[in-house]
Amino acid sequence: MTKRTLRITLLTMLVSLTALVSKAQIGYDYSQYDVGASVGFNSFYGDTQTPQSTKAVNLNFNYNQSAFLNYIFEFQAGKLAGGDANKDLLGRQFAADYTYYAFRIQLQAGEIIDYSHSPVLNAFKNFYVGGGIGVLYSNISSINRYSSQLAGFYTPGLDKANQLFFPARFGYEFKIFNDQRRPDVKIDLGYQYNFVFGDELDGFKAGSRGDAYGQFTIGVKFSVGGVTSYRKQIYYY
């Protein structure tokens, strides 16, 4: 009888401890893998004068080393354009289709700050900065190399280019939690400035500075598995 009572007591304590640990972990779990997509709105900075707005789409795969430290592999396709052949003095105008492949590291504030006792820092924890490396392929779809205002003025260049670039990015990630307080859906708002290591993206070879383009993006990510735990609570207090 004593042994039976002891077994029941130990079993009850074990079940209670397990339940307590499980309850304590609510808000700590996250998925290590996400897939996502986004749309972007581009502004080109290069050898043309008049800016034009274009669009892009992005697909990405994310490995989350922690809830706030992310390694991102992405593919992007879109258009770039700039210039006005009828108004700009140098006559430069172009449109190009492009694709790129890139790897980025993204650090969110929650990885390095203590937000446990501050509602303000708790909201701030999802701001992020990041950077990486990528390769960009561009193909000129239309271009004007001659100036209508400066007789004989011509800008040379290539109609296709493969160039490395550095994507510098900052933004905010809105985490949407499931019933277990795990962030399984994320809305990403960001701005990315792409520094191109070359001067052929717009089809013009002019000046001493490389081309670049900025991009506002809005995207969504979905967790696809690899649930693990973080050292701090992820859920909002």
C-alpha atoms as a PDB file:
ATOM      1  CA  MET A   1       0.000   0.000   0.000  1.00  0.00           C
ATOM      2  CA  THR A   2       2.839   2.387   0.879  1.00  0.00           C
ATOM      3  CA  LYS A   3       4.668   1.627  -2.385  1.00  0.00           C
ATOM      4  CA  ARG A   4       1.485   2.206  -4.380  1.00  0.00           C
ATOM      5  CA  THR A   5       0.898   5.540  -2.666  1.00  0.00           C
ATOM      6  CA  LEU A   6       4.530   6.561  -3.321  1.00  0.00           C
ATOM      7  CA  ARG A   7       4.222   5.675  -7.039  1.00  0.00           C
ATOM      8  CA  ILE A   8       1.018   7.689  -7.382  1.00  0.00           C
ATOM      9  CA  THR A   9       2.596  10.656  -5.586  1.00  0.00           C
ATOM     10  CA  LEU A  10       5.704  10.583  -7.795  1.00  0.00           C
ATOM     11  CA  LEU A  11       3.595  10.236 -10.953  1.00  0.00           C
ATOM     12  CA  THR A  12       1.411  13.155  -9.914  1.00  0.00           C
ATOM     13  CA  MET A  13       4.453  15.306  -9.233  1.00  0.00           C
ATOM     14  CA  LEU A  14       5.980  14.366 -12.612  1.00  0.00           C
ATOM     15  CA  VAL A  15       2.783  15.234 -14.499  1.00  0.00           C
ATOM     16  CA  SER A  16       2.454  18.518 -12.622  1.00  0.00           C
ATOM     17  CA  LEU A  17       6.084  19.433 -13.304  1.00  0.00           C
ATOM     18  CA  THR A  18       5.685  18.614 -17.003  1.00  0.00           C
ATOM     19  CA  ALA A  19       2.566  20.757 -17.221  1.00  0.00           C
ATOM     20  CA  LEU A  20       4.312  23.590 -15.393  1.00  0.00           C
ATOM     21  CA  VAL A  21       7.320  23.489 -17.748  1.00  0.00           C
ATOM     22  CA  SER A  22       5.059  23.343 -20.812  1.00  0.00           C
ATOM     23  CA  LYS A  23       3.042  26.296 -19.570  1.00  0.00           C
ATOM     24  CA  ALA A  24       6.216  28.253 -18.816  1.00  0.00           C
ATOM     25  CA  GLN A  25       7.382  27.779 -22.406  1.00  0.00           C
ATOM     26  CA  ILE A  26       4.275  29.358 -23.962  1.00  0.00           C
ATOM     27  CA  GLY A  27       5.539  32.368 -25.852  1.00  0.00           C
ATOM     28  CA  TYR A  28       9.101  31.001 -26.169  1.00  0.00           C
ATOM     29  CA  ASP A  29       8.723  28.684 -29.167  1.00  0.00           C
ATOM     30  CA  TYR A  30       9.400  29.642 -32.786  1.00  0.00           C
ATOM     31  CA  SER A  31       9.951  27.917 -36.141  1.00  0.00           C
ATOM     32  CA  GLN A  32      13.452  27.735 -37.537  1.00  0.00           C
ATOM     33  CA  TYR A  33      12.275  27.812 -41.155  1.00  0.00           C
ATOM     34  CA  ASP A  34      10.070  30.309 -43.011  1.00  0.00           C
ATOM     35  CA  VAL A  35       9.108  30.824 -46.634  1.00  0.00           C
ATOM     36  CA  GLY A  36       7.876  34.174 -47.882  1.00  0.00           C
ATOM     37  CA  ALA A  37       7.045  36.504 -50.722  1.00  0.00           C
ATOM     38  CA  SER A  38       6.949  40.268 -51.141  1.00  0.00           C
ATOM     39  CA  VAL A  39       6.344  43.058 -53.621  1.00  0.00           C
ATOM     40  CA  GLY A  40       8.701  45.986 -54.066  1.00  0.00           C
ATOM     41  CA  PHE A  41       8.575  49.503 -55.481  1.00  0.00           C
ATOM     42  CA  ASN A  42      11.862  50.558 -57.058  1.00  0.00           C
ATOM     43  CA  SER A  43      13.642  53.874 -57.607  1.00  0.00           C
ATOM     44  CA  PHE A  44      16.807  53.803 -59.717  1.00  0.00           C
ATOM     45  CA  TYR A  45      19.930  55.898 -59.047  1.00  0.00           C
ATOM     46  CA  GLY A  46      22.516  55.905 -61.821  1.00  0.00           C
ATOM     47  CA  ASP A  47      23.424  57.756 -65.014  1.00  0.00           C
ATOM     48  CA  THR A  48      19.940  59.069 -65.830  1.00  0.00           C
ATOM     49  CA  GLN A  49      18.349  62.266 -64.576  1.00  0.00           C
ATOM     50  CA  THR A  50      14.558  61.837 -64.439  1.00  0.00           C
ATOM     51  CA  PRO A  51      13.482  59.144 -61.938  1.00  0.00           C
ATOM     52  CA  GLN A  52      10.868  56.508 -62.737  1.00  0.00           C
ATOM     53  CA  SER A  53       9.085  54.078 -60.410  1.00  0.00           C
ATOM     54  CA  THR A  54       8.991  50.358 -61.185  1.00  0.00           C
ATOM     55  CA  LYS A  55       7.958  47.137 -59.423  1.00  0.00           C
ATOM     56  CA  ALA A  56       9.446  43.811 -58.376  1.00  0.00           C
ATOM     57  CA  VAL A  57       8.476  40.508 -56.730  1.00  0.00           C
ATOM     58  CA  ASN A  58      10.565  38.556 -54.252  1.00  0.00           C
ATOM     59  CA  LEU A  59      10.606  34.939 -53.015  1.00  0.00           C
ATOM     60  CA  ASN A  60      12.625  34.031 -49.939  1.00  0.00           C
ATOM     61  CA  PHE A  61      13.619  31.178 -47.657  1.00  0.00           C
ATOM     62  CA  ASN A  62      14.589  31.990 -44.055  1.00  0.00           C
ATOM     63  CA  TYR A  63      16.661  30.054 -41.544  1.00  0.00           C
ATOM     64  CA  ASN A  64      16.030  31.514 -38.090  1.00  0.00           C
ATOM     65  CA  GLN A  65      19.018  30.870 -35.858  1.00  0.00           C
ATOM     66  CA  SER A  66      16.992  32.537 -33.121  1.00  0.00           C
ATOM     67  CA  ALA A  67      13.657  34.305 -32.956  1.00  0.00           C
ATOM     68  CA  PHE A  68      15.456  37.560 -33.830  1.00  0.00           C
ATOM     69  CA  LEU A  69      18.463  36.471 -35.917  1.00  0.00           C
ATOM     70  CA  ASN A  70      17.657  35.403 -39.476  1.00  0.00           C
ATOM     71  CA  TYR A  71      19.619  34.106 -42.473  1.00  0.00           C
ATOM     72  CA  ILE A  72      17.724  34.820 -45.686  1.00  0.00           C
ATOM     73  CA  PHE A  73      18.145  33.396 -49.182  1.00  0.00           C
ATOM     74  CA  GLU A  74      16.110  35.248 -51.785  1.00  0.00           C
ATOM     75  CA  PHE A  75      15.255  35.532 -55.454  1.00  0.00           C
ATOM     76  CA  GLN A  76      13.900  38.743 -56.970  1.00  0.00           C
ATOM     77  CA  ALA A  77      12.615  39.678 -60.419  1.00  0.00           C
ATOM     78  CA  GLY A  78      11.467  43.074 -61.610  1.00  0.00           C
ATOM     79  CA  LYS A  79      12.013  46.118 -63.771  1.00  0.00           C
ATOM     80  CA  LEU A  80      14.198  49.207 -63.514  1.00  0.00           C
ATOM     81  CA  ALA A  81      13.814  52.417 -65.508  1.00  0.00           C
ATOM     82  CA  GLY A  82      14.975  56.001 -65.595  1.00  0.00           C
ATOM     83  CA  GLY A  83      15.464  59.097 -67.705  1.00  0.00           C
ATOM     84  CA  ASP A  84      13.421  61.066 -70.240  1.00  0.00           C
ATOM     85  CA  ALA A  85      14.884  61.279 -73.762  1.00  0.00           C
ATOM     86  CA  ASN A  86      12.768  64.337 -74.620  1.00  0.00           C
ATOM     87  CA  LYS A  87      13.522  66.422 -71.533  1.00  0.00           C
ATOM     88  CA  ASP A  88      16.904  65.400 -70.133  1.00  0.00           C
ATOM     89  CA  LEU A  89      19.894  67.319 -71.485  1.00  0.00           C
ATOM     90  CA  LEU A  90      21.982  64.182 -72.010  1.00  0.00           C
ATOM     91  CA  GLY A  91      19.083  62.271 -73.579  1.00  0.00           C
ATOM     92  CA  ARG A  92      19.597  59.127 -71.524  1.00  0.00           C
ATOM     93  CA  GLN A  93      16.565  56.900 -71.023  1.00  0.00           C
ATOM     94  CA  PHE A  94      16.360  53.169 -70.351  1.00  0.00           C
ATOM     95  CA  ALA A  95      14.191  50.290 -69.188  1.00  0.00           C
ATOM     96  CA  ALA A  96      15.569  46.947 -68.061  1.00  0.00           C
ATOM     97  CA  ASP A  97      14.365  43.587 -66.779  1.00  0.00           C
ATOM     98  CA  TYR A  98      16.395  42.092 -63.956  1.00  0.00           C
ATOM     99  CA  THR A  99      16.677  39.112 -61.655  1.00  0.00           C
ATOM    100  CA  TYR A 100      18.863  38.630 -58.635  1.00  0.00           C
ATOM    101  CA  TYR A 101      19.945  36.013 -56.107  1.00  0.00           C
ATOM    102  CA  ALA A 102      21.081  37.177 -52.697  1.00  0.00           C
ATOM    103  CA  PHE A 103      21.976  36.089 -49.184  1.00  0.00           C
ATOM    104  CA  ARG A 104      21.274  38.414 -46.252  1.00  0.00           C
ATOM    105  CA  ILE A 105      21.766  38.369 -42.495  1.00  0.00           C
ATOM    106  CA  GLN A 106      19.045  40.151 -40.532  1.00  0.00           C
ATOM    107  CA  LEU A 107      19.454  41.203 -36.889  1.00  0.00           C
ATOM    108  CA  GLN A 108      16.351  42.258 -34.949  1.00  0.00           C
ATOM    109  CA  ALA A 109      16.574  44.454 -31.865  1.00  0.00           C
ATOM    110  CA  GLY A 110      15.086  41.739 -29.668  1.00  0.00           C
ATOM    111  CA  GLU A 111      18.318  39.760 -29.967  1.00  0.00           C
ATOM    112  CA  ILE A 112      20.375  42.382 -28.138  1.00  0.00           C
ATOM    113  CA  ILE A 113      18.022  44.342 -25.862  1.00  0.00           C
ATOM    114  CA  ASP A 114      16.182  43.459 -22.650  1.00  0.00           C
ATOM    115  CA  TYR A 115      12.516  44.144 -23.392  1.00  0.00           C
ATOM    116  CA  SER A 116      11.040  42.172 -20.487  1.00  0.00           C
ATOM    117  CA  HIS A 117      10.049  45.182 -18.348  1.00  0.00           C
ATOM    118  CA  SER A 118       9.299  47.869 -20.936  1.00  0.00           C
ATOM    119  CA  PRO A 119       6.246  48.105 -23.226  1.00  0.00           C
ATOM    120  CA  VAL A 120       8.174  50.531 -25.453  1.00  0.00           C
ATOM    121  CA  LEU A 121      11.165  48.186 -25.890  1.00  0.00           C
ATOM    122  CA  ASN A 122       8.750  45.287 -26.317  1.00  0.00           C
ATOM    123  CA  ALA A 123       7.336  47.027 -29.382  1.00  0.00           C
ATOM    124  CA  PHE A 124      10.817  48.074 -30.536  1.00  0.00           C
ATOM    125  CA  LYS A 125      12.192  44.503 -30.466  1.00  0.00           C
ATOM    126  CA  ASN A 126      10.978  43.718 -34.012  1.00  0.00           C
ATOM    127  CA  PHE A 127      12.928  46.510 -35.747  1.00  0.00           C
ATOM    128  CA  TYR A 128      15.793  45.088 -37.777  1.00  0.00           C
ATOM    129  CA  VAL A 129      18.864  45.957 -39.841  1.00  0.00           C
ATOM    130  CA  GLY A 130      20.762  43.727 -42.215  1.00  0.00           C
ATOM    131  CA  GLY A 131      23.030  43.285 -45.167  1.00  0.00           C
ATOM    132  CA  GLY A 132      24.536  40.671 -47.428  1.00  0.00           C
ATOM    133  CA  ILE A 133      25.770  39.903 -50.918  1.00  0.00           C
ATOM    134  CA  GLY A 134      24.133  39.019 -54.202  1.00  0.00           C
ATOM    135  CA  VAL A 135      24.462  38.786 -57.952  1.00  0.00           C
ATOM    136  CA  LEU A 136      22.215  40.763 -60.286  1.00  0.00           C
ATOM    137  CA  TYR A 137      21.445  39.996 -63.943  1.00  0.00           C
ATOM    138  CA  SER A 138      20.022  42.824 -66.068  1.00  0.00           C
ATOM    139  CA  ASN A 139      18.802  42.906 -69.658  1.00  0.00           C
ATOM    140  CA  ILE A 140      18.044  46.247 -71.355  1.00  0.00           C
ATOM    141  CA  SER A 141      14.594  46.180 -72.984  1.00  0.00           C
ATOM    142  CA  SER A 142      14.736  49.750 -74.362  1.00  0.00           C
ATOM    143  CA  ILE A 143      17.373  52.476 -74.327  1.00  0.00           C
ATOM    144  CA  ASN A 144      18.187  55.899 -75.802  1.00  0.00           C
ATOM    145  CA  ARG A 145      21.899  56.732 -75.992  1.00  0.00           C
ATOM    146  CA  TYR A 146      21.731  59.976 -78.038  1.00  0.00           C
ATOM    147  CA  SER A 147      20.880  63.461 -76.799  1.00  0.00           C
ATOM    148  CA  SER A 148      18.268  65.428 -78.768  1.00  0.00           C
ATOM    149  CA  GLN A 149      19.610  68.664 -77.282  1.00  0.00           C
ATOM    150  CA  LEU A 150      23.372  68.138 -77.623  1.00  0.00           C
ATOM    151  CA  ALA A 151      24.136  67.272 -81.246  1.00  0.00           C
ATOM    152  CA  GLY A 152      26.299  64.176 -81.551  1.00  0.00           C
ATOM    153  CA  PHE A 153      26.352  63.428 -77.810  1.00  0.00           C
ATOM    154  CA  TYR A 154      26.329  59.652 -77.277  1.00  0.00           C
ATOM    155  CA  THR A 155      26.653  57.521 -74.114  1.00  0.00           C
ATOM    156  CA  PRO A 156      28.147  54.025 -74.636  1.00  0.00           C
ATOM    157  CA  GLY A 157      27.406  50.932 -72.586  1.00  0.00           C
ATOM    158  CA  LEU A 158      26.269  47.295 -72.564  1.00  0.00           C
ATOM    159  CA  ASP A 159      22.787  45.910 -73.054  1.00  0.00           C
ATOM    160  CA  LYS A 160      23.360  43.038 -70.621  1.00  0.00           C
ATOM    161  CA  ALA A 161      25.205  42.904 -67.307  1.00  0.00           C
ATOM    162  CA  ASN A 162      25.975  40.485 -64.489  1.00  0.00           C
ATOM    163  CA  GLN A 163      27.090  42.355 -61.381  1.00  0.00           C
ATOM    164  CA  LEU A 164      27.617  41.818 -57.673  1.00  0.00           C
ATOM    165  CA  PHE A 165      25.714  44.040 -55.264  1.00  0.00           C
ATOM    166  CA  PHE A 166      25.378  44.734 -51.558  1.00  0.00           C
ATOM    167  CA  PRO A 167      21.790  44.851 -50.200  1.00  0.00           C
ATOM    168  CA  ALA A 168      21.549  47.110 -47.120  1.00  0.00           C
ATOM    169  CA  ARG A 169      18.163  46.855 -45.424  1.00  0.00           C
ATOM    170  CA  PHE A 170      16.165  48.033 -42.423  1.00  0.00           C
ATOM    171  CA  GLY A 171      12.545  47.515 -41.474  1.00  0.00           C
ATOM    172  CA  TYR A 172      10.004  46.099 -39.047  1.00  0.00           C
ATOM    173  CA  GLU A 173       8.556  42.596 -38.727  1.00  0.00           C
ATOM    174  CA  PHE A 174       5.005  42.267 -37.373  1.00  0.00           C
ATOM    175  CA  LYS A 175       4.699  38.834 -35.778  1.00  0.00           C
ATOM    176  CA  ILE A 176       1.291  37.114 -35.771  1.00  0.00           C
ATOM    177  CA  PHE A 177       0.966  34.392 -33.129  1.00  0.00           C
ATOM    178  CA  ASN A 178      -1.005  31.132 -33.140  1.00  0.00           C
ATOM    179  CA  ASP A 179      -2.874  29.590 -30.191  1.00  0.00           C
ATOM    180  CA  GLN A 180       0.419  28.432 -28.651  1.00  0.00           C
ATOM    181  CA  ARG A 181       1.790  31.997 -28.898  1.00  0.00           C
ATOM    182  CA  ARG A 182       4.240  30.958 -31.595  1.00  0.00           C
ATOM    183  CA  PRO A 183       4.936  33.513 -34.375  1.00  0.00           C
ATOM    184  CA  ASP A 184       3.868  31.444 -37.399  1.00  0.00           C
ATOM    185  CA  VAL A 185       2.983  34.379 -39.696  1.00  0.00           C
ATOM    186  CA  LYS A 186       5.075  37.533 -40.151  1.00  0.00           C
ATOM    187  CA  ILE A 187       4.346  40.754 -42.029  1.00  0.00           C
ATOM    188  CA  ASP A 188       7.534  42.477 -43.167  1.00  0.00           C
ATOM    189  CA  LEU A 189       7.798  46.187 -44.013  1.00  0.00           C
ATOM    190  CA  GLY A 190      11.213  47.294 -45.183  1.00  0.00           C
ATOM    191  CA  TYR A 191      13.439  49.549 -47.218  1.00  0.00           C
ATOM    192  CA  GLN A 192      16.409  48.131 -49.091  1.00  0.00           C
ATOM    193  CA  TYR A 193      19.180  50.056 -50.834  1.00  0.00           C
ATOM    194  CA  ASN A 194      21.156  47.986 -53.316  1.00  0.00           C
ATOM    195  CA  PHE A 195      24.734  49.153 -53.945  1.00  0.00           C
ATOM    196  CA  VAL A 196      25.849  47.714 -57.298  1.00  0.00           C
ATOM    197  CA  PHE A 197      29.570  47.011 -57.778  1.00  0.00           C
ATOM    198  CA  GLY A 198      29.593  48.343 -61.322  1.00  0.00           C
ATOM    199  CA  ASP A 199      28.149  50.898 -63.724  1.00  0.00           C
ATOM    200  CA  GLU A 200      26.349  48.813 -66.362  1.00  0.00           C
ATOM    201  CA  LEU A 201      22.969  48.201 -64.732  1.00  0.00           C
ATOM    202  CA  ASP A 202      21.269  50.973 -66.726  1.00  0.00           C
ATOM    203  CA  GLY A 203      23.165  50.254 -69.947  1.00  0.00           C
ATOM    204  CA  PHE A 204      25.250  53.430 -69.668  1.00  0.00           C
ATOM    205  CA  LYS A 205      28.941  53.586 -68.832  1.00  0.00           C
ATOM    206  CA  ALA A 206      29.414  57.110 -67.499  1.00  0.00           C
ATOM    207  CA  GLY A 207      30.982  58.739 -64.458  1.00  0.00           C
ATOM    208  CA  SER A 208      33.023  57.140 -61.700  1.00  0.00           C
ATOM    209  CA  ARG A 209      30.238  55.931 -59.407  1.00  0.00           C
ATOM    210  CA  GLY A 210      28.405  52.614 -59.521  1.00  0.00           C
ATOM    211  CA  ASP A 211      24.666  52.247 -60.034  1.00  0.00           C
ATOM    212  CA  ALA A 212      22.155  51.638 -57.254  1.00  0.00           C
ATOM    213  CA  TYR A 213      18.455  51.338 -56.627  1.00  0.00           C
ATOM    214  CA  GLY A 214      16.244  51.734 -53.589  1.00  0.00           C
ATOM    215  CA  GLN A 215      13.193  49.680 -52.827  1.00  0.00           C
ATOM    216  CA  PHE A 216      10.245  49.814 -50.440  1.00  0.00           C
ATOM    217  CA  THR A 217       8.831  46.335 -49.809  1.00  0.00           C
ATOM    218  CA  ILE A 218       5.881  44.686 -48.108  1.00  0.00           C
ATOM    219  CA  GLY A 219       5.843  40.949 -47.654  1.00  0.00           C
ATOM    220  CA  VAL A 220       4.531  37.976 -45.706  1.00  0.00           C
ATOM    221  CA  LYS A 221       6.313  34.919 -44.301  1.00  0.00           C
ATOM    222  CA  PHE A 222       4.936  31.575 -43.123  1.00  0.00           C
ATOM    223  CA  SER A 223       6.648  29.099 -40.807  1.00  0.00           C
ATOM    224  CA  VAL A 224       7.283  25.663 -42.305  1.00  0.00           C
ATOM    225  CA  GLY A 225       8.697  23.686 -39.401  1.00  0.00           C
ATOM    226  CA  GLY A 226      11.657  23.081 -37.144  1.00  0.00           C
ATOM    227  CA  VAL A 227       9.970  24.298 -33.951  1.00  0.00           C
ATOM    228  CA  THR A 228      12.413  25.069 -31.175  1.00  0.00           C
ATOM    229  CA  SER A 229      12.633  27.354 -28.123  1.00  0.00           C
ATOM    230  CA  TYR A 230      14.171  30.762 -27.547  1.00  0.00           C
ATOM    231  CA  ARG A 231      15.840  31.967 -24.346  1.00  0.00           C
ATOM    232  CA  LYS A 232      13.382  34.874 -23.907  1.00  0.00           C
ATOM    233  CA  GLN A 233       9.659  35.290 -24.287  1.00  0.00           C
ATOM    234  CA  ILE A 234       8.742  36.239 -27.880  1.00  0.00           C
ATOM    235  CA  TYR A 235       5.063  36.960 -27.314  1.00  0.00           C
ATOM    236  CA  TYR A 236       4.015  40.521 -26.521  1.00  0.00           C
ATOM    237  CA  TYR A 237       3.474  41.229 -22.823  1.00  0.00           C
END
